[in-house]
Amino acid sequence: MDKQRFAEVLRRAEQRCAERGAKLTTQRRTVLELLWASDTPLSAYELLDRMRAGIRNPAPPTVYRALDFLLEQGLAHKLESLHAFVGCTHPDHPHVGQFLICAACGDVAELENQAVMQSLRSAAMAIGFETRRPVIELLGTCAQCARKQL
């Protein structure tokens, strides 16, 4: 994410927290910045390792609490299949993320397609299924990796 986009997304994240009466503390912000700065999803322990560069002796509960907060505020997403986290690319509004995950390079693209979500909601309602935290993940090959395979 370039610096200008990074600053804009951070501004929107801070605004969203302020509107909800939530506080984006230094540690929460650090975790969020690490997620956004990473080219690939990060596990809690990868975040912990990266935090050690700037915070003295960060503990796993610190990272998990920060991740819980970021998930609750819609500022990060958990990729269930990878047991890893990514920063939300559009934290200005609540949404259900849809993710394209490249099995070759680990790149993740976040989508937001309302038609997909409506279709899934309708299908779930039709059978009486209640979703708690819908996450849509498609594993495959990104365009860049597909070109390399040719």
C-alpha atoms as a PDB file:
ATOM      1  CA  MET A   1       0.000   0.000   0.000  1.00  0.00           C
ATOM      2  CA  ASP A   2       1.529   3.355  -0.975  1.00  0.00           C
ATOM      3  CA  LYS A   3       2.051   6.063   1.664  1.00  0.00           C
ATOM      4  CA  GLN A   4      -0.857   8.226   0.546  1.00  0.00           C
ATOM      5  CA  ARG A   5      -3.299   5.306   0.485  1.00  0.00           C
ATOM      6  CA  PHE A   6      -1.901   4.090   3.819  1.00  0.00           C
ATOM      7  CA  ALA A   7      -2.497   7.510   5.425  1.00  0.00           C
ATOM      8  CA  GLU A   8      -6.051   7.662   4.040  1.00  0.00           C
ATOM      9  CA  VAL A   9      -6.969   4.159   5.238  1.00  0.00           C
ATOM     10  CA  LEU A  10      -5.482   4.908   8.674  1.00  0.00           C
ATOM     11  CA  ARG A  11      -7.475   8.161   8.857  1.00  0.00           C
ATOM     12  CA  ARG A  12     -10.684   6.263   8.047  1.00  0.00           C
ATOM     13  CA  ALA A  13      -9.844   3.584  10.624  1.00  0.00           C
ATOM     14  CA  GLU A  14      -9.273   6.200  13.327  1.00  0.00           C
ATOM     15  CA  GLN A  15     -12.500   7.962  12.334  1.00  0.00           C
ATOM     16  CA  ARG A  16     -14.454   4.710  12.504  1.00  0.00           C
ATOM     17  CA  CYS A  17     -13.103   3.953  15.977  1.00  0.00           C
ATOM     18  CA  ALA A  18     -13.910   7.479  17.187  1.00  0.00           C
ATOM     19  CA  GLU A  19     -17.476   7.211  15.852  1.00  0.00           C
ATOM     20  CA  ARG A  20     -17.939   3.991  17.825  1.00  0.00           C
ATOM     21  CA  GLY A  21     -16.314   5.308  20.984  1.00  0.00           C
ATOM     22  CA  ALA A  22     -13.439   2.832  20.576  1.00  0.00           C
ATOM     23  CA  LYS A  23      -9.798   3.706  21.054  1.00  0.00           C
ATOM     24  CA  LEU A  24      -7.144   2.787  18.528  1.00  0.00           C
ATOM     25  CA  THR A  25      -4.304   2.458  21.045  1.00  0.00           C
ATOM     26  CA  THR A  26      -0.647   2.474  20.087  1.00  0.00           C
ATOM     27  CA  GLN A  27      -0.418  -1.326  20.227  1.00  0.00           C
ATOM     28  CA  ARG A  28      -3.615  -1.804  18.218  1.00  0.00           C
ATOM     29  CA  ARG A  29      -2.413   0.708  15.670  1.00  0.00           C
ATOM     30  CA  THR A  30       0.970  -1.051  15.469  1.00  0.00           C
ATOM     31  CA  VAL A  31      -0.707  -4.397  14.742  1.00  0.00           C
ATOM     32  CA  LEU A  32      -2.921  -2.766  12.121  1.00  0.00           C
ATOM     33  CA  GLU A  33       0.027  -1.042  10.469  1.00  0.00           C
ATOM     34  CA  LEU A  34       1.955  -4.323  10.387  1.00  0.00           C
ATOM     35  CA  LEU A  35      -0.999  -6.040   8.713  1.00  0.00           C
ATOM     36  CA  TRP A  36      -1.304  -3.305   6.111  1.00  0.00           C
ATOM     37  CA  ALA A  37       2.446  -3.196   5.474  1.00  0.00           C
ATOM     38  CA  SER A  38       2.670  -6.927   4.832  1.00  0.00           C
ATOM     39  CA  ASP A  39       2.425  -8.323   1.323  1.00  0.00           C
ATOM     40  CA  THR A  40       0.953 -11.541   2.700  1.00  0.00           C
ATOM     41  CA  PRO A  41      -1.399 -12.465   5.555  1.00  0.00           C
ATOM     42  CA  LEU A  42       0.251 -12.722   8.972  1.00  0.00           C
ATOM     43  CA  SER A  43      -0.335 -15.142  11.816  1.00  0.00           C
ATOM     44  CA  ALA A  44      -0.489 -13.862  15.381  1.00  0.00           C
ATOM     45  CA  TYR A  45       3.011 -15.152  16.036  1.00  0.00           C
ATOM     46  CA  GLU A  46       4.396 -13.511  12.899  1.00  0.00           C
ATOM     47  CA  LEU A  47       2.874 -10.260  14.149  1.00  0.00           C
ATOM     48  CA  LEU A  48       4.437 -10.841  17.547  1.00  0.00           C
ATOM     49  CA  ASP A  49       7.867 -11.317  15.942  1.00  0.00           C
ATOM     50  CA  ARG A  50       7.488  -8.115  13.910  1.00  0.00           C
ATOM     51  CA  MET A  51       6.311  -6.168  16.966  1.00  0.00           C
ATOM     52  CA  ARG A  52       9.524  -7.020  18.789  1.00  0.00           C
ATOM     53  CA  ALA A  53      11.346  -4.526  16.566  1.00  0.00           C
ATOM     54  CA  GLY A  54       9.488  -1.611  18.145  1.00  0.00           C
ATOM     55  CA  ILE A  55       7.965  -2.843  21.404  1.00  0.00           C
ATOM     56  CA  ARG A  56       9.964  -4.350  24.229  1.00  0.00           C
ATOM     57  CA  ASN A  57       8.845  -7.888  25.095  1.00  0.00           C
ATOM     58  CA  PRO A  58       5.371  -7.935  23.534  1.00  0.00           C
ATOM     59  CA  ALA A  59       3.329 -10.873  24.806  1.00  0.00           C
ATOM     60  CA  PRO A  60       0.999 -13.123  22.785  1.00  0.00           C
ATOM     61  CA  PRO A  61      -2.104 -11.912  24.699  1.00  0.00           C
ATOM     62  CA  THR A  62      -1.275  -8.359  23.597  1.00  0.00           C
ATOM     63  CA  VAL A  63      -1.374  -9.392  19.948  1.00  0.00           C
ATOM     64  CA  TYR A  64      -4.512 -11.495  20.359  1.00  0.00           C
ATOM     65  CA  ARG A  65      -6.335  -8.677  22.179  1.00  0.00           C
ATOM     66  CA  ALA A  66      -5.323  -6.222  19.455  1.00  0.00           C
ATOM     67  CA  LEU A  67      -6.484  -8.640  16.750  1.00  0.00           C
ATOM     68  CA  ASP A  68      -9.809  -9.200  18.527  1.00  0.00           C
ATOM     69  CA  PHE A  69     -10.314  -5.431  18.674  1.00  0.00           C
ATOM     70  CA  LEU A  70      -9.403  -4.950  15.001  1.00  0.00           C
ATOM     71  CA  LEU A  71     -11.745  -7.755  13.937  1.00  0.00           C
ATOM     72  CA  GLU A  72     -14.565  -6.356  16.086  1.00  0.00           C
ATOM     73  CA  GLN A  73     -14.103  -2.890  14.575  1.00  0.00           C
ATOM     74  CA  GLY A  74     -13.964  -4.236  11.018  1.00  0.00           C
ATOM     75  CA  LEU A  75     -10.389  -3.058  10.530  1.00  0.00           C
ATOM     76  CA  ALA A  76      -8.936  -6.513   9.910  1.00  0.00           C
ATOM     77  CA  HIS A  77     -10.116  -9.855   8.608  1.00  0.00           C
ATOM     78  CA  LYS A  78      -9.203 -13.370   9.646  1.00  0.00           C
ATOM     79  CA  LEU A  79      -8.513 -15.794   6.837  1.00  0.00           C
ATOM     80  CA  GLU A  80      -9.773 -19.015   8.321  1.00  0.00           C
ATOM     81  CA  SER A  81      -8.027 -21.343   5.871  1.00  0.00           C
ATOM     82  CA  LEU A  82      -4.632 -19.772   6.605  1.00  0.00           C
ATOM     83  CA  HIS A  83      -5.110 -19.011  10.316  1.00  0.00           C
ATOM     84  CA  ALA A  84      -3.793 -15.570   9.443  1.00  0.00           C
ATOM     85  CA  PHE A  85      -4.935 -11.971   9.330  1.00  0.00           C
ATOM     86  CA  VAL A  86      -5.023  -9.111   6.817  1.00  0.00           C
ATOM     87  CA  GLY A  87      -5.811  -5.447   7.232  1.00  0.00           C
ATOM     88  CA  CYS A  88      -9.127  -4.385   5.759  1.00  0.00           C
ATOM     89  CA  THR A  89      -8.666  -2.362   2.589  1.00  0.00           C
ATOM     90  CA  HIS A  90     -11.867  -0.368   3.082  1.00  0.00           C
ATOM     91  CA  PRO A  91     -12.583   0.048   6.783  1.00  0.00           C
ATOM     92  CA  ASP A  92     -14.964   2.956   6.273  1.00  0.00           C
ATOM     93  CA  HIS A  93     -18.053   0.753   6.205  1.00  0.00           C
ATOM     94  CA  PRO A  94     -19.109  -2.625   7.595  1.00  0.00           C
ATOM     95  CA  HIS A  95     -18.962  -5.453   5.079  1.00  0.00           C
ATOM     96  CA  VAL A  96     -18.287  -9.120   4.634  1.00  0.00           C
ATOM     97  CA  GLY A  97     -14.980  -9.665   2.924  1.00  0.00           C
ATOM     98  CA  GLN A  98     -14.485 -12.044   0.067  1.00  0.00           C
ATOM     99  CA  PHE A  99     -10.924 -13.104  -0.521  1.00  0.00           C
ATOM    100  CA  LEU A 100      -8.981 -14.468  -3.468  1.00  0.00           C
ATOM    101  CA  ILE A 101      -5.914 -16.247  -2.089  1.00  0.00           C
ATOM    102  CA  CYS A 102      -3.058 -17.252  -4.372  1.00  0.00           C
ATOM    103  CA  ALA A 103      -1.682 -20.643  -3.372  1.00  0.00           C
ATOM    104  CA  ALA A 104       1.563 -19.925  -5.239  1.00  0.00           C
ATOM    105  CA  CYS A 105       2.678 -16.539  -3.864  1.00  0.00           C
ATOM    106  CA  GLY A 106       0.324 -16.013  -0.911  1.00  0.00           C
ATOM    107  CA  ASP A 107      -1.099 -12.775  -2.278  1.00  0.00           C
ATOM    108  CA  VAL A 108      -4.604 -11.947  -1.050  1.00  0.00           C
ATOM    109  CA  ALA A 109      -7.097  -9.706  -2.826  1.00  0.00           C
ATOM    110  CA  GLU A 110     -10.142  -8.501  -0.917  1.00  0.00           C
ATOM    111  CA  LEU A 111     -13.380  -8.139  -2.843  1.00  0.00           C
ATOM    112  CA  GLU A 112     -16.750  -6.784  -1.863  1.00  0.00           C
ATOM    113  CA  ASN A 113     -19.467  -8.070  -4.150  1.00  0.00           C
ATOM    114  CA  GLN A 114     -22.973  -7.481  -2.822  1.00  0.00           C
ATOM    115  CA  ALA A 115     -24.554  -9.883  -5.319  1.00  0.00           C
ATOM    116  CA  VAL A 116     -22.422 -12.735  -3.988  1.00  0.00           C
ATOM    117  CA  MET A 117     -23.353 -11.918  -0.405  1.00  0.00           C
ATOM    118  CA  GLN A 118     -27.056 -11.616  -1.184  1.00  0.00           C
ATOM    119  CA  SER A 119     -27.027 -14.958  -2.977  1.00  0.00           C
ATOM    120  CA  LEU A 120     -25.363 -16.655  -0.015  1.00  0.00           C
ATOM    121  CA  ARG A 121     -27.703 -14.982   2.501  1.00  0.00           C
ATOM    122  CA  SER A 122     -30.717 -16.172   0.517  1.00  0.00           C
ATOM    123  CA  ALA A 123     -29.366 -19.718   0.264  1.00  0.00           C
ATOM    124  CA  ALA A 124     -28.612 -19.817   3.995  1.00  0.00           C
ATOM    125  CA  MET A 125     -32.039 -18.431   4.918  1.00  0.00           C
ATOM    126  CA  ALA A 126     -33.743 -20.971   2.685  1.00  0.00           C
ATOM    127  CA  ILE A 127     -32.394 -23.796   4.829  1.00  0.00           C
ATOM    128  CA  GLY A 128     -32.625 -21.951   8.150  1.00  0.00           C
ATOM    129  CA  PHE A 129     -28.873 -21.525   8.544  1.00  0.00           C
ATOM    130  CA  GLU A 130     -27.655 -18.600  10.663  1.00  0.00           C
ATOM    131  CA  THR A 131     -24.170 -17.312   9.943  1.00  0.00           C
ATOM    132  CA  ARG A 132     -22.059 -15.950  12.784  1.00  0.00           C
ATOM    133  CA  ARG A 133     -19.138 -14.584  10.855  1.00  0.00           C
ATOM    134  CA  PRO A 134     -19.334 -15.134   7.129  1.00  0.00           C
ATOM    135  CA  VAL A 135     -15.967 -15.428   5.422  1.00  0.00           C
ATOM    136  CA  ILE A 136     -15.580 -16.300   1.774  1.00  0.00           C
ATOM    137  CA  GLU A 137     -12.201 -17.542   0.642  1.00  0.00           C
ATOM    138  CA  LEU A 138     -11.321 -18.721  -2.833  1.00  0.00           C
ATOM    139  CA  LEU A 139      -7.982 -20.479  -3.192  1.00  0.00           C
ATOM    140  CA  GLY A 140      -6.343 -20.440  -6.599  1.00  0.00           C
ATOM    141  CA  THR A 141      -3.658 -18.742  -8.660  1.00  0.00           C
ATOM    142  CA  CYS A 142      -3.320 -15.001  -9.173  1.00  0.00           C
ATOM    143  CA  ALA A 143      -2.841 -13.545 -12.648  1.00  0.00           C
ATOM    144  CA  GLN A 144       0.855 -12.830 -12.061  1.00  0.00           C
ATOM    145  CA  CYS A 145       1.616 -16.397 -10.985  1.00  0.00           C
ATOM    146  CA  ALA A 146      -0.509 -17.809 -13.814  1.00  0.00           C
ATOM    147  CA  ARG A 147       1.576 -15.829 -16.334  1.00  0.00           C
ATOM    148  CA  LYS A 148       4.783 -17.215 -14.792  1.00  0.00           C
ATOM    149  CA  GLN A 149       3.492 -20.756 -15.298  1.00  0.00           C
ATOM    150  CA  LEU A 150       3.087 -20.272 -19.046  1.00  0.00           C
END
